């Protein structure tokens, strides 16, 4: 991880490397997630400059205190409170818990109150239409959100005959885009997202070796 400061978190994901430095934030602070031009993601409590592509994350009631590196992952994660929920829901739908954790990590960094500028909400960043399709009434309710997100992820995996890359790409860009391109769409955001989830999946697998593995 590059340097850690009180108010900023930089996530840099490139092929073959993964790095997160996670500081702590005061409980009442609002967190901003800024999308960088080259796929970097910056978390800061400072209001982003005009023209920035960012997501407003609601005032926090938890803190980030875990540091991850490309060679060693510290699993005393802020996400530990959702482990049982994730494992139970993944098992219910026949998915690998590590995959669900990877998607949640990539989508919201385990913040149940996260909301994107496009309107995606909660731990698994469900768009309102997707939440409705999956029977989710309150996307900010962790149990409902994870249930809906896992159900959708399982539906995508079934739709693409177990092809993980296509399912993950569709989770990000929509199944219409994947169907049209007959594979991962050539969108930089989606390509980087698939790489990010794949990297996180391998890291979570190294800790949690239970459940069936997906290719």
Protein backbone atom coordinates (compact mmCIF):
# COMPACT_ATOMS: atom_id res chain seq x y z
CA UNK A 1 0.00 0.00 0.00
CA UNK A 2 1.16 3.47 -0.71
CA UNK A 3 1.00 5.94 2.20
CA UNK A 4 -1.90 6.02 4.68
CA UNK A 5 -3.39 9.31 5.87
CA UNK A 6 -6.21 10.21 8.24
CA UNK A 7 -8.62 11.29 5.55
CA UNK A 8 -7.81 9.41 2.38
CA UNK A 9 -7.82 5.84 1.16
CA UNK A 10 -6.36 4.93 -2.21
CA UNK A 11 -7.21 1.70 -3.93
CA UNK A 12 -5.07 0.90 -6.95
CA UNK A 13 -5.88 -2.20 -8.94
CA UNK A 14 -3.91 -3.19 -12.00
CA UNK A 15 -3.22 -6.55 -13.59
CA UNK A 16 -1.00 -8.50 -11.23
CA UNK A 17 -1.13 -6.04 -8.36
CA UNK A 18 -3.55 -5.21 -5.58
CA UNK A 19 -3.09 -2.63 -2.90
CA UNK A 20 -5.36 -1.03 -0.29
CA UNK A 21 -4.47 1.20 2.60
CA UNK A 22 -7.34 1.61 5.02
CA UNK A 23 -7.36 4.41 7.59
CA UNK A 24 -9.97 5.07 10.24
CA UNK A 25 -12.72 7.63 9.82
CA UNK A 26 -14.66 9.46 12.48
CA UNK A 27 -18.17 8.12 12.96
CA UNK A 28 -19.91 11.28 11.72
CA UNK A 29 -17.75 11.87 8.65
CA UNK A 30 -19.10 11.56 5.13
CA UNK A 31 -16.95 9.50 2.81
CA UNK A 32 -16.51 10.21 -0.89
CA UNK A 33 -15.43 7.49 -3.36
CA UNK A 34 -13.66 9.07 -6.34
CA UNK A 35 -13.17 7.15 -9.61
CA UNK A 36 -9.78 7.91 -11.13
CA UNK A 37 -9.04 8.09 -14.86
CA UNK A 38 -6.92 4.93 -14.82
CA UNK A 39 -9.15 2.78 -12.66
CA UNK A 40 -7.88 3.96 -9.29
CA UNK A 41 -10.41 4.49 -6.51
CA UNK A 42 -9.84 7.14 -3.85
CA UNK A 43 -11.80 7.38 -0.60
CA UNK A 44 -11.68 10.75 1.12
CA UNK A 45 -13.61 12.85 3.64
CA UNK A 46 -12.85 15.99 1.64
CA UNK A 47 -15.41 17.26 -0.87
CA UNK A 48 -14.18 16.23 -4.34
CA UNK A 49 -13.21 18.98 -6.80
CA UNK A 50 -15.66 19.98 -9.55
CA UNK A 51 -15.74 17.55 -12.45
CA UNK A 52 -14.74 14.54 -10.39
CA UNK A 53 -16.56 11.25 -10.86
CA UNK A 54 -17.50 10.25 -7.34
CA UNK A 55 -19.96 8.46 -5.09
CA UNK A 56 -21.23 9.92 -1.82
CA UNK A 57 -21.14 7.35 0.95
CA UNK A 58 -23.40 8.11 3.91
CA UNK A 59 -21.97 9.18 7.30
CA UNK A 60 -20.20 6.24 8.83
CA UNK A 61 -20.94 4.28 11.98
CA UNK A 62 -17.98 1.93 11.53
CA UNK A 63 -14.30 2.39 10.78
CA UNK A 64 -11.82 0.97 8.33
CA UNK A 65 -8.67 -0.22 10.06
CA UNK A 66 -7.45 -3.08 7.90
CA UNK A 67 -4.45 -2.96 5.60
CA UNK A 68 -4.23 -5.24 2.58
CA UNK A 69 -1.16 -5.75 0.38
CA UNK A 70 -0.49 -7.65 -2.83
CA UNK A 71 1.51 -10.33 -1.00
CA UNK A 72 -0.24 -10.60 2.31
CA UNK A 73 -3.83 -9.95 3.25
CA UNK A 74 -4.81 -9.08 6.78
CA UNK A 75 -8.22 -10.64 7.28
CA UNK A 76 -9.16 -8.76 10.43
CA UNK A 77 -11.50 -6.91 8.11
CA UNK A 78 -14.16 -4.38 8.83
CA UNK A 79 -16.42 -6.86 7.06
CA UNK A 80 -16.27 -9.53 9.76
CA UNK A 81 -19.71 -8.58 11.06
CA UNK A 82 -21.23 -9.75 7.76
CA UNK A 83 -19.35 -13.06 7.50
CA UNK A 84 -22.22 -15.24 8.73
CA UNK A 85 -24.80 -13.41 6.63
CA UNK A 86 -22.66 -13.81 3.52
CA UNK A 87 -21.82 -17.44 4.17
CA UNK A 88 -25.42 -18.43 4.94
CA UNK A 89 -26.83 -16.58 1.93
CA UNK A 90 -24.14 -17.90 -0.43
CA UNK A 91 -24.78 -21.44 0.75
CA UNK A 92 -28.51 -20.99 0.27
CA UNK A 93 -27.99 -20.09 -3.39
CA UNK A 94 -25.09 -22.46 -4.06
CA UNK A 95 -22.44 -19.78 -4.44
CA UNK A 96 -18.92 -19.50 -3.13
CA UNK A 97 -18.80 -17.15 -0.10
CA UNK A 98 -15.47 -15.77 -1.31
CA UNK A 99 -17.13 -14.58 -4.52
CA UNK A 100 -19.87 -12.76 -2.64
CA UNK A 101 -17.27 -11.12 -0.40
CA UNK A 102 -15.25 -10.09 -3.44
CA UNK A 103 -18.26 -8.45 -5.09
CA UNK A 104 -19.29 -6.65 -1.90
CA UNK A 105 -15.71 -5.47 -1.35
CA UNK A 106 -15.48 -4.15 -4.90
CA UNK A 107 -18.93 -2.58 -4.84
CA UNK A 108 -19.21 -0.87 -1.47
CA UNK A 109 -16.18 -1.75 0.69
CA UNK A 110 -18.74 -3.37 3.03
CA UNK A 111 -20.60 -0.13 3.70
CA UNK A 112 -24.35 -0.95 4.00
CA UNK A 113 -25.26 2.72 3.42
CA UNK A 114 -23.23 3.22 0.24
CA UNK A 115 -24.99 4.90 -2.68
CA UNK A 116 -23.54 5.57 -6.12
CA UNK A 117 -24.20 8.61 -8.28
CA UNK A 118 -26.24 6.30 -10.53
CA UNK A 119 -28.47 5.26 -7.64
CA UNK A 120 -27.03 1.83 -6.77
CA UNK A 121 -27.50 1.14 -3.07
CA UNK A 122 -26.21 -0.86 -0.15
CA UNK A 123 -23.61 -3.56 0.32
CA UNK A 124 -24.02 -5.10 -3.14
CA UNK A 125 -24.93 -1.80 -4.83
CA UNK A 126 -28.32 -2.83 -6.20
CA UNK A 127 -29.96 -0.57 -8.72
CA UNK A 128 -33.64 0.04 -7.90
CA UNK A 129 -34.82 -2.00 -10.90
CA UNK A 130 -32.60 -4.94 -9.97
CA UNK A 131 -33.68 -4.74 -6.34
CA UNK A 132 -37.29 -4.87 -7.45
CA UNK A 133 -36.63 -7.87 -9.72
CA UNK A 134 -34.98 -9.71 -6.84
CA UNK A 135 -37.74 -8.88 -4.34
CA UNK A 136 -35.74 -6.42 -2.24
CA UNK A 137 -37.85 -3.86 -0.44
CA UNK A 138 -35.08 -1.97 1.35
CA UNK A 139 -31.66 -1.97 -0.30
CA UNK A 140 -30.07 -0.42 2.79
CA UNK A 141 -31.13 -3.38 4.91
CA UNK A 142 -28.02 -5.66 4.91
CA UNK A 143 -29.92 -8.96 4.95
CA UNK A 144 -32.28 -7.92 2.15
CA UNK A 145 -29.48 -6.40 0.09
CA UNK A 146 -27.20 -9.43 0.31
CA UNK A 147 -30.11 -11.79 -0.36
CA UNK A 148 -31.04 -9.80 -3.48
CA UNK A 149 -27.47 -9.36 -4.67
CA UNK A 150 -26.57 -13.02 -4.24
CA UNK A 151 -29.79 -14.08 -5.93
CA UNK A 152 -28.97 -11.82 -8.88
CA UNK A 153 -25.37 -13.04 -9.05
CA UNK A 154 -26.57 -16.65 -9.07
CA UNK A 155 -29.08 -15.80 -11.82
CA UNK A 156 -26.28 -14.29 -13.90
CA UNK A 157 -24.03 -17.32 -13.41
CA UNK A 158 -26.85 -19.60 -14.52
CA UNK A 159 -27.57 -17.36 -17.51
CA UNK A 160 -23.93 -17.53 -18.63
CA UNK A 161 -23.51 -21.25 -17.92
CA UNK A 162 -21.16 -20.70 -14.99
CA UNK A 163 -18.85 -18.29 -16.85
CA UNK A 164 -17.61 -16.16 -13.96
CA UNK A 165 -16.11 -13.37 -16.07
CA UNK A 166 -19.32 -12.91 -18.03
CA UNK A 167 -21.47 -12.97 -14.89
CA UNK A 168 -19.28 -10.44 -13.09
CA UNK A 169 -19.18 -8.21 -16.17
CA UNK A 170 -22.97 -8.35 -16.36
CA UNK A 171 -23.24 -7.44 -12.67
CA UNK A 172 -21.34 -4.27 -13.52
CA UNK A 173 -22.55 -3.38 -17.00
CA UNK A 174 -25.83 -5.29 -17.28
CA UNK A 175 -26.63 -8.50 -19.08
CA UNK A 176 -27.68 -6.58 -22.20
CA UNK A 177 -24.14 -5.31 -22.72
CA UNK A 178 -22.62 -8.76 -22.22
CA UNK A 179 -25.15 -10.35 -24.58
CA UNK A 180 -24.51 -7.72 -27.24
CA UNK A 181 -20.72 -8.16 -27.07
CA UNK A 182 -20.92 -11.91 -26.46
CA UNK A 183 -18.47 -11.49 -23.62
CA UNK A 184 -16.94 -8.82 -21.39
CA UNK A 185 -17.84 -5.43 -22.93
CA UNK A 186 -14.87 -3.29 -24.02
CA UNK A 187 -15.61 -0.67 -21.39
CA UNK A 188 -12.60 0.32 -19.27
CA UNK A 189 -14.73 0.42 -16.11
CA UNK A 190 -16.10 -3.08 -16.70
CA UNK A 191 -12.73 -4.56 -17.66
CA UNK A 192 -11.18 -3.11 -14.51
CA UNK A 193 -14.14 -4.28 -12.43
CA UNK A 194 -13.76 -7.87 -13.62
CA UNK A 195 -10.04 -7.73 -12.85
CA UNK A 196 -10.74 -6.26 -9.41
CA UNK A 197 -13.32 -8.87 -8.46
CA UNK A 198 -11.09 -11.68 -9.73
CA UNK A 199 -8.17 -10.41 -7.65
CA UNK A 200 -10.33 -10.05 -4.56
CA UNK A 201 -11.87 -13.48 -5.13
CA UNK A 202 -8.44 -15.12 -5.11
CA UNK A 203 -7.48 -13.23 -1.96
CA UNK A 204 -10.65 -14.22 -0.12
CA UNK A 205 -10.26 -17.80 -1.32
CA UNK A 206 -6.84 -17.93 0.30
CA UNK A 207 -8.55 -17.39 3.64
CA UNK A 208 -11.85 -19.15 3.08
CA UNK A 209 -11.31 -22.47 1.32
CA UNK A 210 -14.83 -23.72 1.93
CA UNK A 211 -17.64 -24.08 -0.56
CA UNK A 212 -17.53 -24.93 -4.22
CA UNK A 213 -15.18 -23.02 -6.45
CA UNK A 214 -16.17 -21.27 -9.63
CA UNK A 215 -13.94 -20.96 -12.69
